[in-house]
Protein backbone atom coordinates (compact mmCIF):
# COMPACT_ATOMS: atom_id res chain seq x y z
CA UNK A 1 -5.58 -10.92 -18.73
CA UNK A 2 -6.33 -10.99 -15.03
CA UNK A 3 -6.92 -13.66 -12.30
CA UNK A 4 -9.92 -12.02 -10.71
CA UNK A 5 -11.83 -10.59 -13.65
CA UNK A 6 -14.00 -12.24 -16.44
CA UNK A 7 -14.36 -10.54 -19.72
CA UNK A 8 -18.14 -10.62 -20.21
CA UNK A 9 -18.67 -8.29 -23.16
CA UNK A 10 -16.52 -6.20 -25.54
CA UNK A 11 -17.65 -3.64 -28.13
CA UNK A 12 -14.57 -2.03 -29.74
CA UNK A 13 -16.65 0.05 -32.22
CA UNK A 14 -19.19 1.50 -29.67
CA UNK A 15 -17.84 5.03 -30.33
CA UNK A 16 -18.22 6.29 -26.80
CA UNK A 17 -16.21 9.49 -26.30
CA UNK A 18 -16.67 11.34 -23.05
CA UNK A 19 -15.24 11.93 -19.55
CA UNK A 20 -15.06 9.96 -16.26
CA UNK A 21 -17.84 12.08 -14.75
CA UNK A 22 -20.22 11.39 -17.66
CA UNK A 23 -21.01 7.74 -16.85
CA UNK A 24 -23.17 6.13 -14.10
CA UNK A 25 -24.86 2.86 -13.26
CA UNK A 26 -28.56 2.86 -12.37
CA UNK A 27 -31.90 0.97 -12.88
CA UNK A 28 -33.40 3.82 -14.87
CA UNK A 29 -36.37 1.58 -15.88
CA UNK A 30 -37.28 0.46 -12.28
CA UNK A 31 -36.30 -3.06 -13.04
CA UNK A 32 -33.96 -5.45 -11.04
CA UNK A 33 -31.35 -5.20 -13.68
CA UNK A 34 -29.18 -2.07 -13.80
CA UNK A 35 -28.21 -0.12 -16.91
CA UNK A 36 -25.11 1.99 -17.89
CA UNK A 37 -26.09 5.59 -18.61
CA UNK A 38 -23.45 7.59 -20.58
CA UNK A 39 -23.48 11.08 -21.83
CA UNK A 40 -21.49 11.07 -25.08
CA UNK A 41 -19.79 14.23 -26.14
CA UNK A 42 -20.02 13.36 -29.83
CA UNK A 43 -17.74 14.83 -32.54
CA UNK A 44 -17.88 16.53 -35.85
CA UNK A 45 -20.07 13.81 -37.45
CA UNK A 46 -22.77 13.36 -34.68
CA UNK A 47 -24.11 15.59 -31.98
CA UNK A 48 -23.87 14.92 -28.16
CA UNK A 49 -26.01 11.93 -27.21
CA UNK A 50 -27.46 10.29 -24.16
CA UNK A 51 -26.87 6.57 -24.36
CA UNK A 52 -28.31 3.71 -22.22
CA UNK A 53 -26.63 0.31 -22.36
CA UNK A 54 -28.81 -2.53 -21.13
CA UNK A 55 -26.84 -5.88 -21.04
CA UNK A 56 -25.01 -6.21 -24.42
CA UNK A 57 -27.33 -3.92 -26.35
CA UNK A 58 -27.79 -0.12 -26.70
CA UNK A 59 -31.32 0.42 -25.56
CA UNK A 60 -31.54 4.22 -25.86
CA UNK A 61 -29.71 6.72 -28.06
CA UNK A 62 -31.10 10.36 -27.82
CA UNK A 63 -29.58 13.68 -28.76
CA UNK A 64 -28.58 16.32 -26.26
CA UNK A 65 -28.69 20.09 -26.90
CA UNK A 66 -25.26 20.91 -25.48
CA UNK A 67 -21.99 19.15 -24.63
CA UNK A 68 -22.41 17.31 -21.34
CA UNK A 69 -20.02 17.88 -18.37
CA UNK A 70 -21.40 15.42 -15.78
CA UNK A 71 -24.13 12.89 -15.07
CA UNK A 72 -25.45 11.38 -11.73
CA UNK A 73 -28.21 9.13 -10.60
CA UNK A 74 -30.34 10.07 -7.61
CA UNK A 75 -33.81 9.76 -6.13
CA UNK A 76 -36.15 12.80 -6.04
CA UNK A 77 -39.16 11.39 -4.29
CA UNK A 78 -40.43 8.33 -2.27
CA UNK A 79 -43.16 7.08 -4.63
CA UNK A 80 -43.34 3.44 -5.56
CA UNK A 81 -41.85 1.95 -7.62
CA UNK A 82 -38.51 3.52 -6.62
CA UNK A 83 -37.19 4.71 -9.92
CA UNK A 84 -34.17 6.91 -9.72
CA UNK A 85 -33.78 10.07 -11.83
CA UNK A 86 -30.81 11.01 -14.00
CA UNK A 87 -29.32 14.53 -13.74
CA UNK A 88 -27.32 15.61 -16.79
CA UNK A 89 -25.32 18.80 -16.64
CA UNK A 90 -24.79 20.66 -19.95
CA UNK A 91 -23.81 24.37 -20.03
CA UNK A 92 -25.79 26.30 -17.48
CA UNK A 93 -28.58 23.78 -17.35
CA UNK A 94 -29.29 20.50 -15.45
CA UNK A 95 -31.61 18.20 -17.41
CA UNK A 96 -33.42 15.76 -15.20
CA UNK A 97 -34.64 12.58 -16.73
CA UNK A 98 -37.08 9.96 -15.23
CA UNK A 99 -37.67 6.70 -17.20
CA UNK A 100 -35.37 8.36 -19.78
CA UNK A 101 -37.95 10.99 -20.30
CA UNK A 102 -37.62 14.79 -19.73
CA UNK A 103 -38.65 15.40 -16.12
CA UNK A 104 -37.33 18.82 -15.15
CA UNK A 105 -34.85 21.50 -16.24
CA UNK A 106 -32.90 23.65 -13.77
CA UNK A 107 -30.96 26.74 -14.76
CA UNK A 108 -28.09 27.97 -12.69
CA UNK A 109 -28.69 31.44 -11.17
CA UNK A 110 -27.69 34.33 -13.36
CA UNK A 111 -24.53 36.36 -12.53
CA UNK A 112 -24.50 39.99 -11.64
CA UNK A 113 -24.33 42.40 -14.60
CA UNK A 114 -22.15 45.59 -14.74
CA UNK A 115 -24.46 48.57 -14.17
CA UNK A 116 -22.36 50.75 -16.54
CA UNK A 117 -22.70 48.09 -19.30
CA UNK A 118 -26.46 48.20 -18.73
CA UNK A 119 -26.56 51.96 -19.02
CA UNK A 120 -24.58 51.90 -22.23
CA UNK A 121 -26.87 49.46 -23.99
CA UNK A 122 -29.93 51.39 -22.70
CA UNK A 123 -28.50 54.58 -24.32
CA UNK A 124 -27.69 52.68 -27.54
CA UNK A 125 -31.30 51.35 -27.53
CA UNK A 126 -32.56 55.00 -27.36
CA UNK A 127 -29.94 56.23 -29.85
CA UNK A 128 -28.22 58.49 -27.32
CA UNK A 129 -24.75 57.28 -28.13
CA UNK A 130 -23.19 56.15 -31.36
CA UNK A 131 -21.63 52.84 -32.14
CA UNK A 132 -18.03 54.05 -31.79
CA UNK A 133 -18.66 55.47 -28.30
CA UNK A 134 -20.37 52.27 -27.28
CA UNK A 135 -17.33 50.36 -28.51
CA UNK A 136 -14.81 52.57 -26.66
CA UNK A 137 -16.74 52.54 -23.31
CA UNK A 138 -17.07 48.71 -23.49
CA UNK A 139 -13.43 48.35 -24.13
CA UNK A 140 -12.62 50.43 -21.11
CA UNK A 141 -14.84 48.19 -18.97
CA UNK A 142 -13.09 45.14 -20.35
CA UNK A 143 -9.61 46.39 -19.58
CA UNK A 144 -10.64 47.23 -15.90
CA UNK A 145 -9.44 44.18 -13.87
CA UNK A 146 -11.69 45.09 -10.92
CA UNK A 147 -14.84 45.52 -12.94
CA UNK A 148 -17.50 42.86 -13.36
CA UNK A 149 -16.98 40.86 -16.62
CA UNK A 150 -18.84 41.71 -19.72
CA UNK A 151 -21.90 39.76 -20.88
CA UNK A 152 -21.54 37.42 -23.98
CA UNK A 153 -23.43 40.03 -26.03
CA UNK A 154 -20.95 42.83 -25.29
CA UNK A 155 -18.02 40.38 -25.81
CA UNK A 156 -19.39 39.38 -29.24
CA UNK A 157 -19.91 43.02 -30.21
CA UNK A 158 -16.23 43.85 -29.41
CA UNK A 159 -15.18 40.97 -31.63
CA UNK A 160 -17.26 42.12 -34.50
CA UNK A 161 -15.59 43.95 -37.53
CA UNK A 162 -15.88 47.79 -37.59
CA UNK A 163 -18.13 47.75 -40.70
CA UNK A 164 -20.61 45.34 -39.09
CA UNK A 165 -20.93 46.95 -35.69
CA UNK A 166 -23.86 49.24 -36.64
CA UNK A 167 -25.79 46.32 -37.96
CA UNK A 168 -25.01 44.27 -34.86
CA UNK A 169 -26.41 47.01 -32.58
CA UNK A 170 -29.55 47.35 -34.54
CA UNK A 171 -30.27 43.63 -34.41
CA UNK A 172 -29.32 42.86 -30.73
CA UNK A 173 -30.00 46.13 -28.82
CA UNK A 174 -33.48 44.94 -27.93
CA UNK A 175 -32.15 41.72 -26.36
CA UNK A 176 -31.91 41.67 -22.54
CA UNK A 177 -28.41 41.43 -21.10
CA UNK A 178 -27.81 38.14 -19.41
CA UNK A 179 -24.51 36.71 -17.91
CA UNK A 180 -24.53 32.99 -17.05
CA UNK A 181 -21.94 30.57 -15.95
CA UNK A 182 -21.47 26.89 -16.94
CA UNK A 183 -21.48 23.84 -14.78
CA UNK A 184 -18.14 22.05 -14.38
CA UNK A 185 -18.83 19.18 -12.02
CA UNK A 186 -21.77 17.33 -10.33
CA UNK A 187 -22.32 15.08 -7.33
CA UNK A 188 -25.15 13.97 -4.95
CA UNK A 189 -25.54 14.12 -1.14
CA UNK A 190 -27.98 12.03 0.86
CA UNK A 191 -30.64 14.31 2.48
CA UNK A 192 -31.93 12.52 5.59
CA UNK A 193 -31.30 8.81 5.31
CA UNK A 194 -28.18 6.84 4.28
CA UNK A 195 -30.01 4.14 2.31
CA UNK A 196 -29.20 3.59 -1.36
CA UNK A 197 -32.69 4.54 -2.42
CA UNK A 198 -32.96 7.61 -0.16
CA UNK A 199 -33.62 11.08 -1.47
CA UNK A 200 -30.48 13.00 -2.38
CA UNK A 201 -29.55 16.50 -2.91
CA UNK A 202 -27.61 17.74 -6.03
CA UNK A 203 -24.26 19.52 -5.59
CA UNK A 204 -23.24 21.72 -8.46
CA UNK A 205 -19.88 23.35 -9.20
CA UNK A 206 -19.71 26.21 -11.70
CA UNK A 207 -17.04 28.01 -13.69
CA UNK A 208 -17.71 31.17 -11.63
CA UNK A 209 -16.14 29.48 -8.53
CA UNK A 210 -19.51 28.84 -6.83
CA UNK A 211 -20.89 25.78 -5.27
CA UNK A 212 -24.63 25.08 -4.99
CA UNK A 213 -26.55 22.52 -3.06
CA UNK A 214 -30.06 21.93 -4.49
CA UNK A 215 -33.24 20.63 -2.88
CA UNK A 216 -34.26 17.39 -4.66
CA UNK A 217 -38.02 18.03 -4.60
CA UNK A 218 -38.36 21.78 -5.37
CA UNK A 219 -34.98 22.29 -7.08
CA UNK A 220 -34.31 25.41 -5.15
CA UNK A 221 -30.85 26.49 -3.93
CA UNK A 222 -30.32 25.52 -0.34
CA UNK A 223 -26.73 26.55 0.13
CA UNK A 224 -24.32 28.68 -1.86
CA UNK A 225 -20.62 28.57 -1.20
CA UNK A 226 -17.79 30.58 -2.77
CA UNK A 227 -14.54 28.85 -3.72
CA UNK A 228 -11.11 30.38 -4.52
CA UNK A 229 -10.97 28.58 -7.81
CA UNK A 230 -13.33 26.86 -10.22
CA UNK A 231 -14.12 23.19 -9.00
CA UNK A 232 -13.35 20.22 -11.19
CA UNK A 233 -14.17 17.31 -9.03
CA UNK A 234 -16.75 16.90 -6.13
CA UNK A 235 -17.16 14.01 -3.72
CA UNK A 236 -19.50 14.05 -0.68
CA UNK A 237 -20.24 11.97 2.36
CA UNK A 238 -22.70 12.22 5.22
CA UNK A 239 -26.31 13.51 5.35
CA UNK A 240 -27.34 17.09 4.63
CA UNK A 241 -29.87 17.23 7.60
CA UNK A 242 -27.32 15.76 10.01
CA UNK A 243 -23.66 16.36 9.08
CA UNK A 244 -21.77 16.13 5.90
CA UNK A 245 -18.36 16.82 4.27
CA UNK A 246 -17.84 17.94 0.70
CA UNK A 247 -14.45 17.44 -1.10
CA UNK A 248 -13.78 19.83 -3.85
CA UNK A 249 -10.81 19.52 -6.15
CA UNK A 250 -10.11 22.93 -7.75
CA UNK A 251 -8.45 23.88 -10.94
CA UNK A 252 -5.50 25.66 -9.13
CA UNK A 253 -4.32 22.33 -7.76
CA UNK A 254 -5.93 22.52 -4.20
CA UNK A 255 -8.47 20.12 -2.62
CA UNK A 256 -10.86 21.78 -0.17
CA UNK A 257 -12.93 20.25 2.59
CA UNK A 258 -16.32 21.91 3.27
CA UNK A 259 -18.32 21.11 6.41
CA UNK A 260 -21.93 21.79 7.40
CA UNK A 261 -22.39 25.21 8.85
CA UNK A 262 -19.01 26.48 7.68
CA UNK A 263 -19.01 28.64 4.67
CA UNK A 264 -15.21 28.94 4.29
CA UNK A 265 -13.18 25.71 3.64
CA UNK A 266 -12.26 23.84 6.79
CA UNK A 267 -9.08 22.18 5.49
CA UNK A 268 -7.03 22.61 2.30
CA UNK A 269 -4.63 20.17 0.51
CA UNK A 270 -2.02 21.79 -1.73
CA UNK A 271 -1.05 19.39 -4.53
CA UNK A 272 2.25 19.45 -6.42
CA UNK A 273 0.35 18.66 -9.68
CA UNK A 274 -3.19 19.01 -11.01
CA UNK A 275 -5.64 16.34 -9.95
CA UNK A 276 -6.74 13.52 -12.32
CA UNK A 277 -9.41 12.25 -10.01
CA UNK A 278 -10.46 12.09 -6.33
CA UNK A 279 -12.27 9.35 -4.51
CA UNK A 280 -13.22 8.63 -0.88
CA UNK A 281 -12.35 5.06 0.23
CA UNK A 282 -13.93 4.50 3.58
CA UNK A 283 -12.86 7.41 5.76
CA UNK A 284 -9.71 8.26 3.64
CA UNK A 285 -9.39 10.53 0.67
CA UNK A 286 -7.42 9.23 -2.36
CA UNK A 287 -6.17 11.65 -4.95
CA UNK A 288 -4.56 10.90 -8.27
CA UNK A 289 -2.41 13.67 -9.90
CA UNK A 290 -0.80 14.32 -13.19
CA UNK A 291 2.70 13.58 -11.92
CA UNK A 292 1.80 9.87 -11.77
CA UNK A 293 1.22 9.80 -8.02
CA UNK A 294 -1.54 8.27 -5.79
CA UNK A 295 -1.87 10.10 -2.44
CA UNK A 296 -3.94 9.22 0.57
CA UNK A 297 -5.15 11.66 3.26
CA UNK A 298 -7.22 11.25 6.45
CA UNK A 299 -10.36 13.40 7.16
CA UNK A 300 -8.13 15.89 8.98
CA UNK A 301 -5.79 16.18 5.95
CA UNK A 302 -3.01 14.02 7.40
CA UNK A 303 -0.85 12.42 4.76
CA UNK A 304 -1.08 8.61 5.19
CA UNK A 305 0.71 7.15 2.16
CA UNK A 306 1.70 7.83 -1.48
CA UNK A 307 2.42 5.50 -4.38
CA UNK A 308 4.31 6.58 -7.64
CA UNK A 309 3.34 5.00 -10.93
CA UNK A 310 5.47 4.21 -13.91
CA UNK A 311 2.94 5.56 -16.32
CA UNK A 312 0.43 8.39 -16.52
CA UNK A 313 -2.91 7.90 -14.70
CA UNK A 314 -5.88 8.34 -16.96
CA UNK A 315 -8.75 7.71 -14.61
CA UNK A 316 -9.59 6.24 -11.14
CA UNK A 317 -12.72 4.74 -9.68
CA UNK A 318 -13.70 3.37 -6.24
CA UNK A 319 -14.51 -0.32 -5.75
CA UNK A 320 -16.89 -1.37 -2.97
CA UNK A 321 -17.43 -5.14 -2.95
CA UNK A 322 -19.87 -5.60 -0.18
CA UNK A 323 -19.98 -9.45 -0.42
CA UNK A 324 -16.39 -9.64 1.10
CA UNK A 325 -16.40 -6.11 2.67
CA UNK A 326 -13.66 -5.09 0.29
CA UNK A 327 -12.96 -1.44 -0.51
CA UNK A 328 -10.30 -0.61 -3.03
CA UNK A 329 -9.29 1.69 -5.82
CA UNK A 330 -9.18 1.00 -9.49
CA UNK A 331 -6.42 2.93 -11.46
CA UNK A 332 -6.35 3.23 -15.18
CA UNK A 333 -2.94 3.82 -16.80
CA UNK A 334 -1.91 4.90 -20.28
CA UNK A 335 0.01 1.64 -20.88
CA UNK A 336 -3.43 -0.16 -21.18
CA UNK A 337 -3.48 -1.46 -17.66
CA UNK A 338 -6.12 -1.36 -14.94
CA UNK A 339 -4.70 -1.83 -11.43
CA UNK A 340 -6.55 -2.70 -8.20
CA UNK A 341 -5.20 -1.29 -4.98
CA UNK A 342 -6.20 -1.85 -1.39
CA UNK A 343 -4.70 0.99 0.49
CA UNK A 344 -1.16 1.23 -1.05
CA UNK A 345 -0.81 -2.46 -1.88
CA UNK A 346 -1.32 -3.72 -5.40
CA UNK A 347 -3.95 -6.59 -5.51
CA UNK A 348 -4.36 -7.22 -9.26
CA UNK A 349 -3.36 -5.97 -12.67
CA UNK A 350 -5.53 -6.31 -15.73
CA UNK A 351 -4.49 -5.48 -19.32
CA UNK A 352 -7.05 -3.96 -21.67
CA UNK A 353 -7.08 -3.70 -25.48
CA UNK A 354 -6.64 0.11 -25.40
CA UNK A 355 -5.95 2.94 -22.91
CA UNK A 356 -8.81 3.15 -20.43
CA UNK A 357 -10.41 6.65 -20.36
CA UNK A 358 -13.20 6.01 -17.67
CA UNK A 359 -14.31 3.29 -15.37
CA UNK A 360 -17.23 2.49 -13.18
CA UNK A 361 -17.68 -0.40 -10.65
CA UNK A 362 -21.07 -1.52 -9.42
CA UNK A 363 -24.20 -3.48 -10.40
CA UNK A 364 -24.71 -3.87 -14.15
CA UNK A 365 -27.61 -5.97 -15.45
CA UNK A 366 -28.09 -8.55 -12.70
CA UNK A 367 -24.44 -8.89 -11.74
CA UNK A 368 -23.59 -6.86 -8.57
CA UNK A 369 -19.80 -6.74 -9.10
CA UNK A 370 -19.25 -5.50 -12.66
CA UNK A 371 -16.69 -3.20 -14.04
CA UNK A 372 -17.38 -1.00 -16.94
CA UNK A 373 -14.36 0.18 -18.87
CA UNK A 374 -14.57 2.60 -21.73
CA UNK A 375 -11.29 2.91 -23.79
CA UNK A 376 -9.68 5.93 -25.52
CA UNK A 377 -10.75 4.64 -28.99
CA UNK A 378 -14.43 4.50 -27.89
CA UNK A 379 -14.71 0.77 -27.00
CA UNK A 380 -17.19 -0.38 -24.39
CA UNK A 381 -16.12 -3.33 -22.21
CA UNK A 382 -17.70 -5.17 -19.35
CA UNK A 383 -15.88 -7.27 -16.82
CA UNK A 384 -17.30 -9.37 -14.02
CA UNK A 385 -15.47 -10.09 -10.73
CA UNK A 386 -15.02 -13.81 -10.04
CA UNK A 387 -16.96 -15.06 -7.06
CA UNK A 388 -13.87 -16.93 -5.74
CA UNK A 389 -11.52 -13.97 -6.51
CA UNK A 390 -8.59 -13.76 -4.03
CA UNK A 391 -8.53 -10.13 -3.20
CA UNK A 392 -5.56 -10.51 -0.72
CA UNK A 393 -2.93 -11.62 -3.29
CA UNK A 394 -0.07 -9.23 -3.87
CA UNK A 395 -0.33 -7.80 -0.42
CA UNK A 396 2.40 -7.98 2.19
CA UNK A 397 1.75 -9.49 5.63
CA UNK A 398 1.64 -6.10 7.11
CA UNK A 399 -1.56 -5.25 5.17
CA UNK A 400 -3.36 -8.38 6.34
CA UNK A 401 -3.36 -7.56 10.02
CA UNK A 402 -1.10 -8.47 12.99
CA UNK A 403 2.21 -10.28 12.23
CA UNK A 404 2.36 -14.06 12.38
CA UNK A 405 4.67 -13.98 15.45
CA UNK A 406 1.88 -12.53 17.48
CA UNK A 407 -0.13 -15.83 17.37
CA UNK A 408 2.93 -17.99 18.39
CA UNK A 409 2.71 -19.36 22.00
CA UNK A 410 5.42 -18.32 24.30
CA UNK A 411 7.45 -20.84 26.22
CA UNK A 412 6.30 -19.80 29.69
CA UNK A 413 7.42 -22.09 32.52
CA UNK A 414 4.83 -23.85 34.72
CA UNK A 415 3.77 -22.29 38.01
CA UNK A 416 5.61 -24.01 40.94
CA UNK A 417 4.17 -24.69 44.35
CA UNK A 418 6.36 -22.01 45.80
CA UNK A 419 5.01 -19.43 43.47
CA UNK A 420 1.47 -20.36 44.16
CA UNK A 421 2.07 -20.19 47.89
CA UNK A 422 3.71 -16.80 47.55
CA UNK A 423 0.73 -15.53 45.48
CA UNK A 424 -1.75 -16.63 48.20
CA UNK A 425 0.42 -15.04 50.90
CA UNK A 426 0.56 -11.70 49.06
CA UNK A 427 -3.22 -11.76 48.52
CA UNK A 428 -3.96 -12.49 52.21
CA UNK A 429 -1.40 -10.16 53.86
CA UNK A 430 -1.26 -7.36 51.29
CA UNK A 431 -2.01 -4.60 53.78
CA UNK A 432 0.61 -5.78 56.39
CA UNK A 433 3.20 -6.18 53.72
CA UNK A 434 2.56 -2.59 52.39
CA UNK A 435 2.87 -1.21 55.89
CA UNK A 436 6.08 -3.03 56.55
CA UNK A 437 7.53 -1.78 53.29
CA UNK A 438 6.63 1.79 54.24
CA UNK A 439 8.15 1.38 57.69
CA UNK A 440 11.43 0.01 56.13
CA UNK A 441 11.44 2.91 53.66
CA UNK A 442 11.09 5.61 56.36
CA UNK A 443 13.84 3.79 58.39
CA UNK A 444 16.18 3.86 55.44
CA UNK A 445 15.54 7.60 54.96
CA UNK A 446 16.23 8.31 58.67
CA UNK A 447 19.50 6.27 58.51
CA UNK A 448 20.61 8.21 55.49
CA UNK A 449 19.83 11.61 57.10
CA UNK A 450 21.80 10.70 60.21
CA UNK A 451 24.87 9.59 58.17
CA UNK A 452 24.73 12.86 56.35
CA UNK A 453 24.70 14.87 59.58
CA UNK A 454 27.41 12.90 61.04
CA UNK A 455 29.62 13.42 57.94
CA UNK A 456 28.95 17.16 58.25
CA UNK A 457 29.96 17.31 61.83
CA UNK A 458 33.09 15.30 61.49
CA UNK A 459 34.21 17.23 58.37
CA UNK A 460 34.16 13.98 56.30
CA UNK A 461 32.55 15.46 53.35
CA UNK A 462 34.66 15.62 50.06
CA UNK A 463 32.97 18.95 49.27
CA UNK A 464 33.35 22.03 51.36
CA UNK A 465 30.28 23.25 53.26
CA UNK A 466 31.66 26.80 53.71
CA UNK A 467 31.21 29.68 51.35
CA UNK A 468 34.49 31.26 52.50
CA UNK A 469 36.62 28.14 51.87
CA UNK A 470 35.22 26.60 48.67
CA UNK A 471 38.28 24.29 48.36
CA UNK A 472 38.86 21.61 51.04
CA UNK A 473 41.89 19.39 51.22
CA UNK A 474 42.18 16.10 53.10
CA UNK A 475 45.36 14.30 53.80
CA UNK A 476 45.89 10.65 54.59
CA UNK A 477 49.25 9.05 55.71
CA UNK A 478 49.94 5.51 54.60
CA UNK A 479 52.85 3.85 56.42
CA UNK A 480 54.51 4.02 59.87
CA UNK A 481 58.30 3.88 59.10
CA UNK A 482 60.77 6.17 57.58
CA UNK A 483 59.07 5.49 54.27
CA UNK A 484 55.37 6.53 53.98
CA UNK A 485 52.91 7.87 51.39
CA UNK A 486 50.86 10.97 51.85
CA UNK A 487 47.59 11.13 49.87
CA UNK A 488 45.95 14.53 49.42
């Protein structure tokens, strides 16, 4: 098990099958206890559902029209009591729930339609062209790489068998052409205040490489940004009215940093593998990739550290334990382990009954430090952090602050009477001592210059001072008798 986690609840047959982005913790009923809201993808036997877990029971289980892609909790107004809304992304729509009741439905703006395609269907509606010509013209538009993609109606017509095309045109030629994208990811951004119950804007990423920021009250588009690739993960920080940063992990393996007032990405991180998840821990950006690596970057995209895992990473989640001002990262591995990291140091390892597929840390029920783990087989597990948990274990001394040698006292000798008297003398006669030092320095420079001039005049220099005789020889005679030594 683990030394810091308590197993509070386990339901191995909950049949929860969804993604990491389809789970959130929120007090959807306006009560002190928080609930776990999950958008279940369903399977062949049951449709997609919206599930709300309250404590150890399933308090709500409602059907969803389409397969969900993301879910977030945010506040849309300042009315009392402060009940947050739930935004569920499915297809091109965002379904907003309040008190687990339908509140609003937002549709992503439609995409541009090819004018030639519109003309072709208009002519087919008026019987000006036959079915074969309509098919050939639509095929030519489809094969043109620079043209606007076809609408789903035209794509379905091209896939129809030749003997059924005339019937297809008669049935659907009155339908208006519409080309819509689908939502791939979702996140929230505080609008004016940083409080937990402040109004937040919705950030939407679409398959058409667009990023939208929505007004939380009127649900209108405030900002539209174009990306080089479809986004898969979004994380934001800051305030919309002041300054903000939006982290976008794209499908092409790049992570973009968007700032306020800048339409194009400010920074870009090129990953060696596709991202599994992205989280912001304090002022750092932590990215998990499919090559079993955790990487950390600063706000200016400077690489800080990286950690390699022995197993594949299935999901990650941030952990903000405010009681001890602890910020860490939870990492789920395919060997049924959930690891807790503080920076690059391993703090704890917990073993689960199955491979974790998604995790969420926060307040659940009345416990402020709970961990929800959904396993690959559909199990629903709740863990509670111990109040006396040691969150520094497993870390090296370098991660805990300055080294221990810094706090050891140095063996400094005592100040003698001579030292004290000299200090007082320097303090009282500082100006005089400085002037005397400058006088001695000038005198030394003068003596050096005189010696140099004297050496030049008496030809005592070892180097020739004439350009015409670059080589200078000097001879010394040692000895006075018939035997002597000549040194050149």
